[in-house]
Amino acid sequence: MQVSEAKPSDILPIIDLLMDMYDEAKEHPFGKPNRARIANALSPCTKFVVHDDDGTLCGLIALREGPWWFSTESFLGDLVFYVSPAYRASRAAFLLLRRAKEYARERNLPLMLSIVHPVALERKRTLYLRAGFTPAGASFYYKE
């Protein structure tokens, strides 16, 4: 497996991967995805992808830099972090997290990752803790 910064030619496979992410969540509150909106949202992000030895796209982490809402100091946050189900038993997620942490060090910024996708929350929490992250809150959803 190899992690690299995404190239322009990766955008369509990335969008396909994210459409799979949407399909994976049987019940979710997020609405139907739109390919153009996904492409626009990813555009300003730094994107790292992981491919298997055959060149298949296994996963993605897209990071964006911005200030904390309460401060002028910036941080890196994730727009999306996703690994295809077929590769979850592999090192794909760990490799992406390791590259994201390296990038945060290169930029001299803190890295804040969120869990928003409603599938396998505890597994994701455990992954972040094993990768050296510290919990910093949670997300909750309400709609009548």
Protein backbone atom coordinates (compact mmCIF):
# COMPACT_ATOMS: atom_id res chain seq x y z
CA MET A 1 0.00 0.00 0.00
CA GLN A 2 1.15 3.48 -0.77
CA VAL A 3 -0.04 6.90 0.42
CA SER A 4 0.40 9.93 -1.80
CA GLU A 5 -1.02 13.36 -2.28
CA ALA A 6 -4.00 13.15 -4.62
CA LYS A 7 -3.48 14.19 -8.23
CA PRO A 8 -6.14 15.92 -10.36
CA SER A 9 -6.73 12.59 -12.09
CA ASP A 10 -7.75 11.08 -8.71
CA ILE A 11 -10.82 13.30 -8.27
CA LEU A 12 -13.32 11.08 -10.12
CA PRO A 13 -12.25 7.89 -8.30
CA ILE A 14 -12.34 9.86 -5.02
CA ILE A 15 -15.90 10.97 -5.73
CA ASP A 16 -16.86 7.37 -6.56
CA LEU A 17 -15.33 6.26 -3.25
CA LEU A 18 -17.30 8.91 -1.38
CA MET A 19 -20.52 7.85 -3.11
CA ASP A 20 -19.79 4.36 -1.75
CA MET A 21 -19.36 5.93 1.70
CA TYR A 22 -22.84 7.44 1.39
CA ASP A 23 -24.31 4.09 0.31
CA GLU A 24 -22.72 2.35 3.28
CA ALA A 25 -24.77 4.34 5.80
CA LYS A 26 -28.22 2.78 5.47
CA GLU A 27 -29.86 5.34 7.73
CA HIS A 28 -28.29 8.76 7.96
CA PRO A 29 -29.49 12.33 8.30
CA PHE A 30 -27.22 13.90 5.70
CA GLY A 31 -29.27 13.98 2.52
CA LYS A 32 -28.36 12.63 -0.89
CA PRO A 33 -24.83 13.49 -2.08
CA ASN A 34 -24.18 15.57 -5.16
CA ARG A 35 -21.04 14.84 -7.18
CA ALA A 36 -20.45 18.50 -8.14
CA ARG A 37 -20.78 19.65 -4.51
CA ILE A 38 -18.36 16.94 -3.42
CA ALA A 39 -15.82 18.06 -6.04
CA ASN A 40 -16.22 21.71 -5.01
CA ALA A 41 -15.84 20.92 -1.32
CA LEU A 42 -12.71 18.85 -1.95
CA SER A 43 -11.12 21.45 -4.22
CA PRO A 44 -9.43 23.61 -1.55
CA CYS A 45 -8.42 20.62 0.58
CA THR A 46 -5.10 18.84 0.75
CA LYS A 47 -6.02 15.29 -0.14
CA PHE A 48 -4.03 12.16 0.65
CA VAL A 49 -5.05 8.86 -0.90
CA VAL A 50 -3.97 5.29 -0.32
CA HIS A 51 -3.81 2.73 -3.13
CA ASP A 52 -3.25 -0.99 -2.86
CA ASP A 53 -0.48 -2.74 -4.76
CA ASP A 54 -2.77 -3.07 -7.81
CA GLY A 55 -3.45 0.68 -7.87
CA THR A 56 -6.98 0.46 -6.47
CA LEU A 57 -8.03 3.49 -4.43
CA CYS A 58 -8.56 2.22 -0.88
CA GLY A 59 -9.11 5.40 1.12
CA LEU A 60 -8.84 9.13 1.46
CA ILE A 61 -8.26 11.85 4.01
CA ALA A 62 -9.01 15.44 2.96
CA LEU A 63 -7.65 18.17 5.22
CA ARG A 64 -8.44 21.86 5.31
CA GLU A 65 -6.72 24.65 7.19
CA GLY A 66 -8.60 27.38 8.97
CA PRO A 67 -8.85 29.34 12.21
CA TRP A 68 -10.62 28.15 15.31
CA TRP A 69 -13.99 29.92 15.54
CA PHE A 70 -12.83 31.63 18.74
CA SER A 71 -9.26 32.51 17.76
CA THR A 72 -7.03 33.76 14.99
CA GLU A 73 -4.83 30.66 15.33
CA SER A 74 -5.28 28.00 12.67
CA PHE A 75 -5.55 24.22 12.71
CA LEU A 76 -5.97 21.38 10.23
CA GLY A 77 -9.33 19.65 10.23
CA ASP A 78 -10.67 16.81 8.17
CA LEU A 79 -13.40 17.30 5.62
CA VAL A 80 -13.55 13.54 5.16
CA PHE A 81 -11.61 10.46 6.23
CA TYR A 82 -12.81 7.21 4.68
CA VAL A 83 -11.44 3.75 3.96
CA SER A 84 -13.32 1.30 1.77
CA PRO A 85 -14.77 -1.65 3.77
CA ALA A 86 -12.62 -4.16 1.86
CA TYR A 87 -9.48 -2.47 3.24
CA ARG A 88 -10.45 -1.84 6.86
CA ALA A 89 -8.49 -4.85 8.08
CA SER A 90 -5.42 -3.50 6.28
CA ARG A 91 -3.02 -0.70 7.21
CA ALA A 92 -4.82 1.82 4.97
CA ALA A 93 -6.41 3.90 7.75
CA PHE A 94 -3.22 3.90 9.81
CA LEU A 95 -1.15 4.98 6.81
CA LEU A 96 -3.53 7.86 6.06
CA LEU A 97 -3.52 8.98 9.70
CA ARG A 98 0.26 8.82 9.83
CA ARG A 99 0.53 10.98 6.69
CA ALA A 100 -2.02 13.47 8.07
CA LYS A 101 0.01 13.78 11.29
CA GLU A 102 3.21 14.28 9.27
CA TYR A 103 1.50 16.99 7.23
CA ALA A 104 0.30 18.72 10.42
CA ARG A 105 3.91 18.69 11.72
CA GLU A 106 5.16 20.09 8.39
CA ARG A 107 2.60 22.91 8.65
CA ASN A 108 3.25 23.33 12.40
CA LEU A 109 -0.49 23.10 13.07
CA PRO A 110 -2.65 21.01 15.38
CA LEU A 111 -4.74 18.32 13.69
CA MET A 112 -8.40 17.89 14.66
CA LEU A 113 -10.31 14.92 13.25
CA SER A 114 -14.03 14.28 13.65
CA ILE A 115 -16.30 11.27 13.48
CA VAL A 116 -19.49 12.25 11.70
CA HIS A 117 -20.37 9.21 9.58
CA PRO A 118 -22.77 7.10 11.66
CA VAL A 119 -21.30 3.65 10.90
CA ALA A 120 -18.97 1.91 13.40
CA LEU A 121 -18.44 4.85 15.74
CA GLU A 122 -16.64 2.87 18.43
CA ARG A 123 -14.26 1.29 15.91
CA LYS A 124 -13.31 4.75 14.64
CA ARG A 125 -12.90 6.11 18.15
CA THR A 126 -10.57 3.21 18.98
CA LEU A 127 -8.56 3.83 15.80
CA TYR A 128 -8.01 7.51 16.70
CA LEU A 129 -7.00 6.65 20.26
CA ARG A 130 -4.54 3.98 19.05
CA ALA A 131 -3.08 6.53 16.63
CA GLY A 132 -2.29 8.90 19.50
CA PHE A 133 -5.23 11.32 19.31
CA THR A 134 -6.93 12.73 22.41
CA PRO A 135 -10.74 12.98 22.59
CA ALA A 136 -12.04 16.55 22.25
CA GLY A 137 -15.83 16.48 22.32
CA ALA A 138 -18.45 14.74 20.22
CA SER A 139 -21.10 15.42 17.60
CA PHE A 140 -24.83 15.06 18.16
CA TYR A 141 -27.72 15.39 15.71
CA TYR A 142 -31.33 16.43 16.20
CA LYS A 143 -34.16 16.83 13.70
CA GLU A 144 -37.91 16.58 14.09
